C-alpha atoms as a PDB file:
ATOM      1  CA  MET A   1    -108.239  -5.692  28.458  1.00  0.00           C
ATOM      2  CA  ALA A   2    -111.007  -7.902  27.142  1.00  0.00           C
ATOM      3  CA  ASP A   3    -110.609 -11.620  26.707  1.00  0.00           C
ATOM      4  CA  GLN A   4    -108.941 -11.995  23.299  1.00  0.00           C
ATOM      5  CA  LYS A   5    -111.192 -14.872  22.183  1.00  0.00           C
ATOM      6  CA  LEU A   6    -114.320 -12.876  22.990  1.00  0.00           C
ATOM      7  CA  GLU A   7    -112.969  -9.794  21.247  1.00  0.00           C
ATOM      8  CA  ASN A   8    -112.103 -11.845  18.160  1.00  0.00           C
ATOM      9  CA  TYR A   9    -115.597 -13.336  18.196  1.00  0.00           C
ATOM     10  CA  VAL A  10    -117.278  -9.932  18.420  1.00  0.00           C
ATOM     11  CA  ARG A  11    -115.128  -8.498  15.628  1.00  0.00           C
ATOM     12  CA  ALA A  12    -115.851 -11.495  13.388  1.00  0.00           C
ATOM     13  CA  ALA A  13    -119.588 -11.381  14.132  1.00  0.00           C
ATOM     14  CA  LEU A  14    -119.733  -7.655  13.369  1.00  0.00           C
ATOM     15  CA  ALA A  15    -117.841  -8.174  10.116  1.00  0.00           C
ATOM     16  CA  LEU A  16    -120.152 -11.026   9.081  1.00  0.00           C
ATOM     17  CA  GLN A  17    -123.160  -8.774   9.678  1.00  0.00           C
ATOM     18  CA  GLY A  18    -121.588  -5.977   7.640  1.00  0.00           C
ATOM     19  CA  TYR A  19    -120.931  -3.549  10.495  1.00  0.00           C
ATOM     20  CA  ASP A  20    -117.869  -1.323  10.464  1.00  0.00           C
ATOM     21  CA  PHE A  21    -117.715   0.509  13.788  1.00  0.00           C
ATOM     22  CA  ASN A  22    -114.862   2.640  15.064  1.00  0.00           C
ATOM     23  CA  PRO A  23    -112.549   1.010  17.665  1.00  0.00           C
ATOM     24  CA  ALA A  24    -114.231   2.774  20.615  1.00  0.00           C
ATOM     25  CA  ARG A  25    -117.678   1.530  19.617  1.00  0.00           C
ATOM     26  CA  THR A  26    -116.334  -1.997  19.067  1.00  0.00           C
ATOM     27  CA  ALA A  27    -114.766  -1.916  22.539  1.00  0.00           C
ATOM     28  CA  ASP A  28    -118.161  -0.940  24.001  1.00  0.00           C
ATOM     29  CA  ILE A  29    -119.771  -3.892  22.240  1.00  0.00           C
ATOM     30  CA  VAL A  30    -117.085  -6.244  23.584  1.00  0.00           C
ATOM     31  CA  THR A  31    -117.784  -4.891  27.095  1.00  0.00           C
ATOM     32  CA  GLN A  32    -121.489  -5.637  26.668  1.00  0.00           C
ATOM     33  CA  PHE A  33    -120.699  -9.190  25.545  1.00  0.00           C
ATOM     34  CA  GLU A  34    -118.510  -9.624  28.647  1.00  0.00           C
ATOM     35  CA  ARG A  35    -121.480  -8.603  30.793  1.00  0.00           C
ATOM     36  CA  ILE A  36    -123.804 -10.971  28.940  1.00  0.00           C
ATOM     37  CA  GLU A  37    -121.297 -13.778  29.409  1.00  0.00           C
ATOM     38  CA  ALA A  38    -121.085 -13.072  33.155  1.00  0.00           C
ATOM     39  CA  LEU A  39    -124.887 -13.188  33.500  1.00  0.00           C
ATOM     40  CA  ALA A  40    -125.117 -16.408  31.519  1.00  0.00           C
ATOM     41  CA  GLN A  41    -122.391 -18.006  33.635  1.00  0.00           C
ATOM     42  CA  VAL A  42    -124.519 -17.505  36.748  1.00  0.00           C
ATOM     43  CA  LEU A  43    -127.263 -19.611  35.152  1.00  0.00           C
ATOM     44  CA  LEU A  44    -124.852 -22.222  33.845  1.00  0.00           C
ATOM     45  CA  ASP A  45    -123.332 -22.673  37.306  1.00  0.00           C
ATOM     46  CA  VAL A  46    -126.644 -23.946  38.709  1.00  0.00           C
ATOM     47  CA  GLU A  47    -127.103 -27.674  38.250  1.00  0.00           C
ATOM     48  CA  PRO A  48    -130.806 -28.576  38.032  1.00  0.00           C
ATOM     49  CA  PRO A  49    -131.889 -31.678  39.921  1.00  0.00           C
ATOM     50  CA  LEU A  50    -132.171 -34.871  37.867  1.00  0.00           C
ATOM     51  CA  GLU A  51    -135.894 -35.138  38.557  1.00  0.00           C
ATOM     52  CA  ALA A  52    -136.612 -31.651  37.171  1.00  0.00           C
ATOM     53  CA  GLU A  53    -138.751 -31.726  34.048  1.00  0.00           C
ATOM     54  CA  PRO A  54    -139.871 -28.933  31.755  1.00  0.00           C
ATOM     55  CA  ALA A  55    -143.417 -27.685  32.211  1.00  0.00           C
ATOM     56  CA  PRO A  56    -145.727 -29.178  29.572  1.00  0.00           C
ATOM     57  CA  VAL A  57    -147.589 -25.852  29.113  1.00  0.00           C
ATOM     58  CA  PHE A  58    -146.480 -22.366  30.051  1.00  0.00           C
ATOM     59  CA  ARG A  59    -149.271 -20.035  31.122  1.00  0.00           C
ATOM     60  CA  PRO A  60    -148.187 -16.748  32.667  1.00  0.00           C
END
């Protein structure tokens, strides 16, 4: 079962936006948020070096 805090967050966010999905659809959305959280955690686990600075101009 999904993390209860995350599920509560998703349900509250959907309600605030005016969405009223069936329970199966809401469960799918919670699953997607779990995946997003897992991807974000990978980035948050990396500690940048203290001397790292943002690029002044981004040019692809």
